[in-house]
Amino acid sequence: MLLFYTPDVRGDAYTLNNEESRHLVRVLRKTRGDQVHLTDGRGGLFRTRIVEDNPGNCTVAIEETMRRPFRKPYRVHIGIAPTKNINRFEWFLEKATEIGIDSVIPFVSENSERKNIKPERLEKIIIAAMKQSLKVFKPRLHELTSFHSLIQRSFRGGKYIAWIDDHVKHRFYDACPPGEDTLILIGPEGDFTLAETGEAKKYGFIPISLGDSRLRTETAGIVACHTVALRNEGVR
């Protein structure tokens, strides 16, 4: 199945933008009469057929608005400090999207080595991963914020902070019950400070361990995302 992200799709026909048209016609060599699927990133899935195979503005006719697919009864949100090497953060976004994350909240904390990001590029990576993995719900990328602002946000669900400390024995897999919305914080390369962890606990965050291995920031994010997915296997 070929899936394209078209957030503004409506009506009986749709013209893809220049980039998507070129990719569909020039790269994939699709022509008039070929079938293509569109998603609005909000659960909508549309079966269409090419009626104008122009590489600059390819137009498709919408033949069927398909049944909205099942959406899992829980949401997973990860607050994470962007890595110094932005390629590693981009890798995290790609893989977390494939696994099934709902939102990513990048933040800056005391030990952060990166204090800026380029949302436009990161959005493109999320969209590409969403299309490749045939997801019809696009994860939300929040604006870069501070750690202190993040932990003060209201959130209905389980709140956790991954902390590298010998005294933290509570495993994340055991801590997060299935079917519950989850927010987990992943710190920068230098981890959270003791003061930050203490402040997070005051706002209801539970310190947890992601296992015995010492993980990179982006790896910890993937482990957290996949742990929630595993914990919720079979939940409908």
Protein backbone atom coordinates (compact mmCIF):
# COMPACT_ATOMS: atom_id res chain seq x y z
CA MET A 1 0.00 0.00 0.00
CA LEU A 2 1.27 3.48 -0.91
CA LEU A 3 0.39 5.97 1.81
CA PHE A 4 0.68 9.76 1.54
CA TYR A 5 0.12 12.34 4.28
CA THR A 6 -2.47 14.94 3.24
CA PRO A 7 -3.77 16.77 6.33
CA ASP A 8 -6.16 18.96 4.32
CA VAL A 9 -7.76 16.23 2.20
CA ARG A 10 -11.49 16.73 1.51
CA GLY A 11 -14.07 16.46 -1.25
CA ASP A 12 -14.00 14.06 -4.21
CA ALA A 13 -10.52 14.88 -5.52
CA TYR A 14 -7.17 16.01 -4.17
CA THR A 15 -4.03 17.48 -5.74
CA LEU A 16 -0.79 16.50 -4.04
CA ASN A 17 1.83 19.15 -3.42
CA ASN A 18 4.85 19.49 -5.70
CA GLU A 19 7.17 17.33 -3.59
CA GLU A 20 4.70 14.47 -3.15
CA SER A 21 3.64 14.64 -6.82
CA ARG A 22 7.23 14.38 -8.00
CA HIS A 23 7.89 11.47 -5.67
CA LEU A 24 4.78 9.61 -6.79
CA VAL A 25 5.20 10.17 -10.55
CA ARG A 26 8.94 10.50 -11.10
CA VAL A 27 10.39 8.28 -8.36
CA LEU A 28 7.69 5.63 -7.93
CA ARG A 29 6.69 5.89 -11.62
CA LYS A 30 2.98 5.77 -10.90
CA THR A 31 0.63 6.75 -13.70
CA ARG A 32 -3.02 7.44 -14.38
CA GLY A 33 -5.25 4.66 -13.03
CA ASP A 34 -2.86 3.55 -10.27
CA GLN A 35 -4.19 3.30 -6.74
CA VAL A 36 -2.88 5.48 -3.89
CA HIS A 37 -3.97 5.80 -0.24
CA LEU A 38 -4.08 9.09 1.64
CA THR A 39 -4.29 9.84 5.36
CA ASP A 40 -5.03 13.06 7.17
CA GLY A 41 -2.92 11.98 10.15
CA ARG A 42 -6.00 12.01 12.40
CA GLY A 43 -7.16 8.49 11.63
CA GLY A 44 -8.72 9.18 8.24
CA LEU A 45 -7.79 6.77 5.45
CA PHE A 46 -8.81 7.34 1.82
CA ARG A 47 -8.50 5.04 -1.18
CA THR A 48 -7.85 7.07 -4.31
CA ARG A 49 -6.87 6.64 -7.93
CA ILE A 50 -4.60 8.85 -10.04
CA VAL A 51 -6.52 10.85 -12.65
CA GLU A 52 -3.76 13.33 -13.60
CA ASP A 53 -0.18 12.07 -13.42
CA ASN A 54 1.50 15.46 -13.61
CA PRO A 55 4.83 15.38 -11.67
CA GLY A 56 4.22 18.96 -10.54
CA ASN A 57 0.63 18.60 -9.32
CA CYS A 58 -0.62 15.02 -9.40
CA THR A 59 -4.38 14.78 -8.89
CA VAL A 60 -6.23 11.79 -7.48
CA ALA A 61 -9.94 10.97 -7.29
CA ILE A 62 -11.16 9.83 -3.87
CA GLU A 63 -12.99 6.54 -4.40
CA GLU A 64 -13.60 5.49 -0.81
CA THR A 65 -13.36 6.95 2.67
CA MET A 66 -12.34 3.84 4.54
CA ARG A 67 -13.43 2.85 8.02
CA ARG A 68 -11.45 4.67 10.66
CA PRO A 69 -8.96 2.15 12.00
CA PHE A 70 -8.82 1.07 15.60
CA ARG A 71 -7.02 3.50 17.86
CA LYS A 72 -5.37 2.13 20.93
CA PRO A 73 -7.10 3.00 24.24
CA TYR A 74 -3.95 4.50 25.74
CA ARG A 75 -1.55 7.28 24.77
CA VAL A 76 2.21 7.37 25.21
CA HIS A 77 3.94 10.71 25.53
CA ILE A 78 7.70 11.07 25.90
CA GLY A 79 9.44 14.18 27.14
CA ILE A 80 13.04 13.95 25.97
CA ALA A 81 16.12 16.16 25.88
CA PRO A 82 17.36 16.51 22.28
CA THR A 83 20.80 14.98 21.87
CA LYS A 84 23.98 16.92 21.05
CA ASN A 85 24.21 14.93 17.82
CA ILE A 86 20.86 15.80 16.24
CA ASN A 87 21.04 12.70 14.02
CA ARG A 88 20.48 10.55 17.10
CA PHE A 89 17.39 12.53 18.07
CA GLU A 90 16.06 12.22 14.53
CA TRP A 91 16.62 8.46 14.72
CA PHE A 92 14.58 8.38 17.93
CA LEU A 93 11.71 10.25 16.29
CA GLU A 94 11.70 7.88 13.33
CA LYS A 95 11.70 4.68 15.37
CA ALA A 96 9.26 5.94 18.01
CA THR A 97 6.83 6.87 15.24
CA GLU A 98 7.13 3.39 13.79
CA ILE A 99 6.46 1.81 17.20
CA GLY A 100 3.45 4.04 17.87
CA ILE A 101 4.17 7.11 19.98
CA ASP A 102 1.48 9.78 20.38
CA SER A 103 3.52 12.86 21.18
CA VAL A 104 7.09 13.99 21.78
CA ILE A 105 7.92 16.92 24.06
CA PRO A 106 11.52 18.09 23.59
CA PHE A 107 12.89 19.94 26.60
CA VAL A 108 16.02 21.62 27.89
CA SER A 109 17.33 20.69 31.33
CA GLU A 110 20.42 21.64 33.32
CA ASN A 111 22.75 19.12 31.66
CA SER A 112 21.39 19.58 28.14
CA GLU A 113 24.06 20.01 25.46
CA ARG A 114 21.54 20.97 22.75
CA LYS A 115 19.26 23.91 23.35
CA ASN A 116 17.69 24.39 19.93
CA ILE A 117 16.02 22.27 17.27
CA LYS A 118 14.60 22.72 13.76
CA PRO A 119 10.92 21.68 14.01
CA GLU A 120 10.35 21.77 10.24
CA ARG A 121 12.98 19.12 9.57
CA LEU A 122 11.85 16.99 12.52
CA GLU A 123 8.25 17.12 11.27
CA LYS A 124 9.40 15.79 7.89
CA ILE A 125 11.11 12.86 9.61
CA ILE A 126 7.97 12.05 11.59
CA ILE A 127 5.80 12.21 8.47
CA ALA A 128 8.17 10.00 6.48
CA ALA A 129 8.21 7.40 9.28
CA MET A 130 4.43 7.57 9.59
CA LYS A 131 3.98 6.86 5.88
CA GLN A 132 6.61 4.12 5.82
CA SER A 133 5.06 2.28 8.76
CA LEU A 134 1.50 2.82 7.42
CA LYS A 135 0.35 4.79 10.45
CA VAL A 136 -2.76 6.95 10.09
CA PHE A 137 -2.28 8.88 13.33
CA LYS A 138 0.54 11.42 13.17
CA PRO A 139 2.48 11.92 16.41
CA ARG A 140 2.49 15.48 17.71
CA LEU A 141 5.82 17.23 18.07
CA HIS A 142 5.50 19.87 20.79
CA GLU A 143 7.53 23.05 20.93
CA LEU A 144 10.85 22.95 22.75
CA THR A 145 10.27 23.81 26.40
CA SER A 146 12.11 23.88 29.71
CA PHE A 147 12.20 20.94 32.08
CA HIS A 148 10.59 23.06 34.80
CA SER A 149 7.69 24.07 32.58
CA LEU A 150 7.15 20.51 31.41
CA ILE A 151 6.85 18.92 34.83
CA GLN A 152 4.27 21.52 35.88
CA ARG A 153 1.87 20.68 33.04
CA SER A 154 -1.32 18.93 34.01
CA PHE A 155 -1.53 15.34 32.82
CA ARG A 156 -4.10 12.63 33.41
CA GLY A 157 -2.25 9.35 33.58
CA GLY A 158 0.94 7.84 34.91
CA LYS A 159 3.95 10.17 35.16
CA TYR A 160 7.46 8.73 35.28
CA ILE A 161 11.04 9.94 35.14
CA ALA A 162 13.85 7.64 34.01
CA TRP A 163 16.74 8.14 36.37
CA ILE A 164 20.14 6.47 36.46
CA ASP A 165 20.62 5.84 40.17
CA ASP A 166 21.46 2.73 42.19
CA HIS A 167 18.58 3.45 44.54
CA VAL A 168 15.96 3.35 41.77
CA LYS A 169 14.78 -0.26 41.60
CA HIS A 170 11.27 0.27 40.26
CA ARG A 171 11.18 -1.17 36.73
CA PHE A 172 9.19 0.79 34.17
CA TYR A 173 7.54 -2.35 32.80
CA ASP A 174 6.12 -3.13 36.24
CA ALA A 175 5.22 0.47 37.02
CA CYS A 176 3.00 1.35 34.05
CA PRO A 177 -0.36 -0.46 34.07
CA PRO A 178 -1.92 -1.38 30.71
CA GLY A 179 -4.61 0.87 29.30
CA GLU A 180 -3.34 4.01 31.01
CA ASP A 181 -1.99 7.17 29.38
CA THR A 182 1.71 7.49 30.11
CA LEU A 183 4.18 10.36 30.23
CA ILE A 184 7.83 9.48 30.75
CA LEU A 185 10.78 11.85 30.89
CA ILE A 186 14.15 10.93 29.37
CA GLY A 187 17.11 13.09 30.34
CA PRO A 188 20.12 14.36 28.38
CA GLU A 189 23.50 12.67 28.01
CA GLY A 190 24.48 13.90 31.48
CA ASP A 191 21.19 12.68 33.01
CA PHE A 192 18.96 14.68 35.33
CA THR A 193 20.42 16.43 38.33
CA LEU A 194 19.42 15.40 41.84
CA ALA A 195 17.55 18.68 42.22
CA GLU A 196 15.59 18.11 38.99
CA THR A 197 14.58 14.63 40.02
CA GLY A 198 13.49 15.91 43.41
CA GLU A 199 11.42 18.65 41.78
CA ALA A 200 9.80 16.15 39.40
CA LYS A 201 8.82 13.94 42.32
CA LYS A 202 7.06 16.90 43.94
CA TYR A 203 4.87 17.11 40.83
CA GLY A 204 3.96 13.44 40.96
CA PHE A 205 6.61 11.85 38.73
CA ILE A 206 7.75 8.39 39.80
CA PRO A 207 11.46 7.58 39.35
CA ILE A 208 11.85 4.36 37.34
CA SER A 209 14.56 2.19 35.82
CA LEU A 210 14.69 1.09 32.18
CA GLY A 211 16.93 -1.86 33.02
CA ASP A 212 20.47 -2.66 34.06
CA SER A 213 22.17 -1.39 30.89
CA ARG A 214 23.40 2.17 30.62
CA LEU A 215 21.50 3.58 27.64
CA ARG A 216 22.03 6.56 25.39
CA THR A 217 19.28 9.16 25.51
CA GLU A 218 17.76 8.15 22.17
CA THR A 219 17.97 4.44 23.04
CA ALA A 220 16.27 5.06 26.38
CA GLY A 221 13.46 6.83 24.55
CA ILE A 222 12.94 3.86 22.25
CA VAL A 223 13.05 1.40 25.15
CA ALA A 224 10.44 3.44 27.03
CA CYS A 225 8.17 3.65 23.99
CA HIS A 226 8.44 -0.06 23.24
CA THR A 227 7.94 -0.99 26.89
CA VAL A 228 4.58 0.76 26.92
CA ALA A 229 3.65 -1.01 23.67
CA LEU A 230 4.60 -4.40 25.11
CA ARG A 231 2.77 -3.70 28.34
CA ASN A 232 -0.37 -2.99 26.32
CA GLU A 233 -0.25 -5.93 23.94
CA GLY A 234 -3.76 -7.29 23.49
CA VAL A 235 -5.42 -4.27 25.16
CA ARG A 236 -8.48 -3.15 23.19
